[in-house]
Amino acid sequence: MKRTAIALAALIGSGTFVSAETVTPDNVVMDEYGSIEASLTGVAGDPAAGAEVMSSRGLGNCVACHQVSALSAAFQGNVGPSLDGAADRWEEAQLRGIVSNAKMTFPDSVMPSFYKTSGFIRPGNAFTGKAAEGALEPLLTAQQIEDVVAYLATLKE
């Protein structure tokens, strides 16, 4: 019992503890259209945190390609479709699938797969010009995906 408690404390302290509810990128279940019915975390998304992820250059930076009138981010893009009214166009499961791996819904999309860690052709090691070594991390965490989905669900016409 004492060893279990020590091991658990070590996992939590190392920051690698994953909730039993969190679905890892390689275990995400999508339907044939790329929708993900089940939450990736079992925890409701926070729309305010989702707006931050979408606006932040260090996180999702969705506004680099998409226009979202409700966000005050400067220099919003027009490469992807406007996300105004996203909740009217897509259901929550569809939004979760698109944010996680848009290529499963839109095969020709240039949108990055934000919750994918395998199946890449030649991933790079940041901006070094060298191949990546070791396991890859997803661009966004499972909870950040849920937060973005929660925010997108608020965008109605």
C-alpha atoms as a PDB file:
ATOM      1  CA  MET A   1       0.000   0.000   0.000  1.00  0.00           C
ATOM      2  CA  LYS A   2       2.808   2.396   0.901  1.00  0.00           C
ATOM      3  CA  ARG A   3       4.583   1.675  -2.412  1.00  0.00           C
ATOM      4  CA  THR A   4       1.377   2.367  -4.348  1.00  0.00           C
ATOM      5  CA  ALA A   5       0.954   5.720  -2.600  1.00  0.00           C
ATOM      6  CA  ILE A   6       4.578   6.645  -3.321  1.00  0.00           C
ATOM      7  CA  ALA A   7       4.253   5.649  -6.981  1.00  0.00           C
ATOM      8  CA  LEU A   8       1.015   7.628  -7.316  1.00  0.00           C
ATOM      9  CA  ALA A   9       2.610  10.676  -5.680  1.00  0.00           C
ATOM     10  CA  ALA A  10       5.579  10.386  -8.063  1.00  0.00           C
ATOM     11  CA  LEU A  11       3.276  10.270 -11.084  1.00  0.00           C
ATOM     12  CA  ILE A  12       1.304  13.287  -9.917  1.00  0.00           C
ATOM     13  CA  GLY A  13       4.475  15.211  -9.091  1.00  0.00           C
ATOM     14  CA  SER A  14       5.990  14.478 -12.495  1.00  0.00           C
ATOM     15  CA  GLY A  15       3.000  15.969 -14.306  1.00  0.00           C
ATOM     16  CA  THR A  16       2.431  12.753 -16.275  1.00  0.00           C
ATOM     17  CA  PHE A  17      -0.625  11.622 -14.361  1.00  0.00           C
ATOM     18  CA  VAL A  18      -3.526  11.010 -16.732  1.00  0.00           C
ATOM     19  CA  SER A  19      -7.059  10.730 -15.469  1.00  0.00           C
ATOM     20  CA  ALA A  20      -8.762   7.398 -16.034  1.00  0.00           C
ATOM     21  CA  GLU A  21     -11.363   9.358 -17.989  1.00  0.00           C
ATOM     22  CA  THR A  22      -8.927  10.919 -20.477  1.00  0.00           C
ATOM     23  CA  VAL A  23      -8.845   9.274 -23.899  1.00  0.00           C
ATOM     24  CA  THR A  24      -5.350   9.180 -25.376  1.00  0.00           C
ATOM     25  CA  PRO A  25      -4.944  10.322 -28.993  1.00  0.00           C
ATOM     26  CA  ASP A  26      -4.371   6.786 -30.251  1.00  0.00           C
ATOM     27  CA  ASN A  27      -7.561   5.560 -28.537  1.00  0.00           C
ATOM     28  CA  VAL A  28      -9.982   8.182 -29.869  1.00  0.00           C
ATOM     29  CA  VAL A  29     -13.045   6.575 -31.449  1.00  0.00           C
ATOM     30  CA  MET A  30     -14.376   8.402 -34.526  1.00  0.00           C
ATOM     31  CA  ASP A  31     -17.311   7.429 -36.672  1.00  0.00           C
ATOM     32  CA  GLU A  32     -17.004   7.173 -40.455  1.00  0.00           C
ATOM     33  CA  TYR A  33     -17.513  10.948 -40.815  1.00  0.00           C
ATOM     34  CA  GLY A  34     -14.884  11.900 -38.225  1.00  0.00           C
ATOM     35  CA  SER A  35     -17.277  12.723 -35.373  1.00  0.00           C
ATOM     36  CA  ILE A  36     -16.255  11.911 -31.803  1.00  0.00           C
ATOM     37  CA  GLU A  37     -19.340  11.266 -29.673  1.00  0.00           C
ATOM     38  CA  ALA A  38     -17.694  10.778 -26.282  1.00  0.00           C
ATOM     39  CA  SER A  39     -15.892  13.489 -24.372  1.00  0.00           C
ATOM     40  CA  LEU A  40     -12.125  13.083 -24.402  1.00  0.00           C
ATOM     41  CA  THR A  41     -11.915  13.864 -20.687  1.00  0.00           C
ATOM     42  CA  GLY A  42     -15.299  13.244 -19.082  1.00  0.00           C
ATOM     43  CA  VAL A  43     -15.092  16.871 -17.884  1.00  0.00           C
ATOM     44  CA  ALA A  44     -17.208  19.630 -19.383  1.00  0.00           C
ATOM     45  CA  GLY A  45     -15.295  22.136 -21.461  1.00  0.00           C
ATOM     46  CA  ASP A  46     -14.843  25.734 -20.318  1.00  0.00           C
ATOM     47  CA  PRO A  47     -15.882  28.169 -23.085  1.00  0.00           C
ATOM     48  CA  ALA A  48     -13.700  30.991 -21.691  1.00  0.00           C
ATOM     49  CA  ALA A  49     -10.639  28.717 -21.704  1.00  0.00           C
ATOM     50  CA  GLY A  50     -11.585  27.602 -25.231  1.00  0.00           C
ATOM     51  CA  ALA A  51     -11.658  31.217 -26.427  1.00  0.00           C
ATOM     52  CA  GLU A  52      -8.166  31.667 -24.968  1.00  0.00           C
ATOM     53  CA  VAL A  53      -6.875  28.543 -26.751  1.00  0.00           C
ATOM     54  CA  MET A  54      -8.358  29.751 -30.037  1.00  0.00           C
ATOM     55  CA  SER A  55      -6.807  33.226 -29.694  1.00  0.00           C
ATOM     56  CA  SER A  56      -3.399  32.264 -28.312  1.00  0.00           C
ATOM     57  CA  ARG A  57      -0.479  31.936 -30.722  1.00  0.00           C
ATOM     58  CA  GLY A  58       1.170  29.481 -28.333  1.00  0.00           C
ATOM     59  CA  LEU A  59      -1.853  27.187 -28.257  1.00  0.00           C
ATOM     60  CA  GLY A  60      -4.473  26.617 -30.954  1.00  0.00           C
ATOM     61  CA  ASN A  61      -4.124  29.936 -32.769  1.00  0.00           C
ATOM     62  CA  CYS A  62      -7.342  29.143 -34.636  1.00  0.00           C
ATOM     63  CA  VAL A  63      -7.812  32.810 -35.543  1.00  0.00           C
ATOM     64  CA  ALA A  64      -4.692  32.680 -37.713  1.00  0.00           C
ATOM     65  CA  CYS A  65      -6.858  30.900 -40.294  1.00  0.00           C
ATOM     66  CA  HIS A  66     -10.454  31.456 -39.131  1.00  0.00           C
ATOM     67  CA  GLN A  67     -12.491  34.580 -38.477  1.00  0.00           C
ATOM     68  CA  VAL A  68     -14.492  34.699 -35.223  1.00  0.00           C
ATOM     69  CA  SER A  69     -16.344  37.989 -34.732  1.00  0.00           C
ATOM     70  CA  ALA A  70     -16.870  37.366 -31.012  1.00  0.00           C
ATOM     71  CA  LEU A  71     -13.111  37.253 -30.357  1.00  0.00           C
ATOM     72  CA  SER A  72     -11.095  40.431 -30.045  1.00  0.00           C
ATOM     73  CA  ALA A  73      -7.952  38.851 -31.520  1.00  0.00           C
ATOM     74  CA  ALA A  74      -6.288  41.041 -34.133  1.00  0.00           C
ATOM     75  CA  PHE A  75      -5.419  39.922 -37.663  1.00  0.00           C
ATOM     76  CA  GLN A  76      -7.925  37.105 -37.984  1.00  0.00           C
ATOM     77  CA  GLY A  77      -7.479  34.840 -40.972  1.00  0.00           C
ATOM     78  CA  ASN A  78      -9.557  33.938 -43.982  1.00  0.00           C
ATOM     79  CA  VAL A  79      -7.877  30.691 -45.057  1.00  0.00           C
ATOM     80  CA  GLY A  80     -10.489  28.555 -43.290  1.00  0.00           C
ATOM     81  CA  PRO A  81     -14.218  29.174 -43.051  1.00  0.00           C
ATOM     82  CA  SER A  82     -15.600  31.736 -40.625  1.00  0.00           C
ATOM     83  CA  LEU A  83     -16.503  30.088 -37.334  1.00  0.00           C
ATOM     84  CA  ASP A  84     -19.367  32.507 -36.671  1.00  0.00           C
ATOM     85  CA  GLY A  85     -22.444  30.309 -36.316  1.00  0.00           C
ATOM     86  CA  ALA A  86     -20.356  27.119 -35.911  1.00  0.00           C
ATOM     87  CA  ALA A  87     -22.846  25.748 -33.374  1.00  0.00           C
ATOM     88  CA  ASP A  88     -25.620  26.084 -35.955  1.00  0.00           C
ATOM     89  CA  ARG A  89     -23.639  24.192 -38.609  1.00  0.00           C
ATOM     90  CA  TRP A  90     -22.121  21.362 -36.584  1.00  0.00           C
ATOM     91  CA  GLU A  91     -23.122  19.257 -33.589  1.00  0.00           C
ATOM     92  CA  GLU A  92     -20.809  18.853 -30.578  1.00  0.00           C
ATOM     93  CA  ALA A  93     -19.505  15.450 -31.739  1.00  0.00           C
ATOM     94  CA  GLN A  94     -18.704  16.877 -35.167  1.00  0.00           C
ATOM     95  CA  LEU A  95     -16.921  19.875 -33.643  1.00  0.00           C
ATOM     96  CA  ARG A  96     -14.866  17.575 -31.385  1.00  0.00           C
ATOM     97  CA  GLY A  97     -13.852  15.506 -34.410  1.00  0.00           C
ATOM     98  CA  ILE A  98     -12.975  18.527 -36.540  1.00  0.00           C
ATOM     99  CA  VAL A  99     -10.836  20.126 -33.828  1.00  0.00           C
ATOM    100  CA  SER A 100      -9.138  16.814 -32.995  1.00  0.00           C
ATOM    101  CA  ASN A 101      -8.364  15.745 -36.559  1.00  0.00           C
ATOM    102  CA  ALA A 102     -10.076  17.775 -39.304  1.00  0.00           C
ATOM    103  CA  LYS A 103      -8.697  15.536 -42.045  1.00  0.00           C
ATOM    104  CA  MET A 104     -11.069  12.752 -40.992  1.00  0.00           C
ATOM    105  CA  THR A 105     -14.038  15.004 -41.882  1.00  0.00           C
ATOM    106  CA  PHE A 106     -12.419  17.152 -44.569  1.00  0.00           C
ATOM    107  CA  PRO A 107      -9.644  15.084 -46.232  1.00  0.00           C
ATOM    108  CA  ASP A 108      -8.242  18.041 -48.204  1.00  0.00           C
ATOM    109  CA  SER A 109      -8.092  20.354 -45.183  1.00  0.00           C
ATOM    110  CA  VAL A 110      -4.829  22.110 -44.323  1.00  0.00           C
ATOM    111  CA  MET A 111      -5.959  22.419 -40.707  1.00  0.00           C
ATOM    112  CA  PRO A 112      -3.528  20.737 -38.305  1.00  0.00           C
ATOM    113  CA  SER A 113      -4.603  17.668 -36.365  1.00  0.00           C
ATOM    114  CA  PHE A 114      -4.648  19.055 -32.833  1.00  0.00           C
ATOM    115  CA  TYR A 115      -5.120  15.708 -31.031  1.00  0.00           C
ATOM    116  CA  LYS A 116      -3.005  13.258 -32.977  1.00  0.00           C
ATOM    117  CA  THR A 117       0.379  11.743 -32.136  1.00  0.00           C
ATOM    118  CA  SER A 118       0.975   9.080 -34.774  1.00  0.00           C
ATOM    119  CA  GLY A 119       0.598   8.457 -38.483  1.00  0.00           C
ATOM    120  CA  PHE A 120       2.700  11.435 -39.546  1.00  0.00           C
ATOM    121  CA  ILE A 121       4.981  11.090 -42.568  1.00  0.00           C
ATOM    122  CA  ARG A 122       8.025  13.057 -41.357  1.00  0.00           C
ATOM    123  CA  PRO A 123       7.463  15.089 -38.203  1.00  0.00           C
ATOM    124  CA  GLY A 124      10.132  17.669 -37.480  1.00  0.00           C
ATOM    125  CA  ASN A 125      11.871  18.632 -34.261  1.00  0.00           C
ATOM    126  CA  ALA A 126      10.497  22.164 -33.800  1.00  0.00           C
ATOM    127  CA  PHE A 127      12.423  24.528 -36.084  1.00  0.00           C
ATOM    128  CA  THR A 128      15.726  22.638 -36.120  1.00  0.00           C
ATOM    129  CA  GLY A 129      15.345  21.068 -39.553  1.00  0.00           C
ATOM    130  CA  LYS A 130      15.875  17.637 -37.995  1.00  0.00           C
ATOM    131  CA  ALA A 131      13.500  14.718 -37.570  1.00  0.00           C
ATOM    132  CA  ALA A 132      11.615  14.378 -34.311  1.00  0.00           C
ATOM    133  CA  GLU A 133      12.959  11.903 -31.791  1.00  0.00           C
ATOM    134  CA  GLY A 134      10.808   9.947 -29.366  1.00  0.00           C
ATOM    135  CA  ALA A 135       7.083  10.121 -28.778  1.00  0.00           C
ATOM    136  CA  LEU A 136       5.168  13.127 -30.061  1.00  0.00           C
ATOM    137  CA  GLU A 137       2.779  15.116 -27.905  1.00  0.00           C
ATOM    138  CA  PRO A 138      -0.555  16.334 -29.319  1.00  0.00           C
ATOM    139  CA  LEU A 139      -0.725  20.041 -30.175  1.00  0.00           C
ATOM    140  CA  LEU A 140      -3.551  20.475 -27.647  1.00  0.00           C
ATOM    141  CA  THR A 141      -4.469  18.456 -24.564  1.00  0.00           C
ATOM    142  CA  ALA A 142      -7.726  16.561 -24.353  1.00  0.00           C
ATOM    143  CA  GLN A 143      -9.131  19.204 -21.996  1.00  0.00           C
ATOM    144  CA  GLN A 144      -8.105  22.014 -24.346  1.00  0.00           C
ATOM    145  CA  ILE A 145      -9.987  20.228 -27.140  1.00  0.00           C
ATOM    146  CA  GLU A 146     -13.065  20.045 -24.884  1.00  0.00           C
ATOM    147  CA  ASP A 147     -12.666  23.743 -24.009  1.00  0.00           C
ATOM    148  CA  VAL A 148     -12.505  24.752 -27.692  1.00  0.00           C
ATOM    149  CA  VAL A 149     -15.558  22.608 -28.461  1.00  0.00           C
ATOM    150  CA  ALA A 150     -17.429  24.260 -25.569  1.00  0.00           C
ATOM    151  CA  TYR A 151     -16.543  27.695 -26.953  1.00  0.00           C
ATOM    152  CA  LEU A 152     -17.504  26.784 -30.521  1.00  0.00           C
ATOM    153  CA  ALA A 153     -20.848  25.503 -29.188  1.00  0.00           C
ATOM    154  CA  THR A 154     -21.603  29.073 -28.049  1.00  0.00           C
ATOM    155  CA  LEU A 155     -21.167  30.528 -31.546  1.00  0.00           C
ATOM    156  CA  LYS A 156     -24.707  30.776 -32.894  1.00  0.00           C
ATOM    157  CA  GLU A 157     -26.066  33.094 -35.570  1.00  0.00           C
END
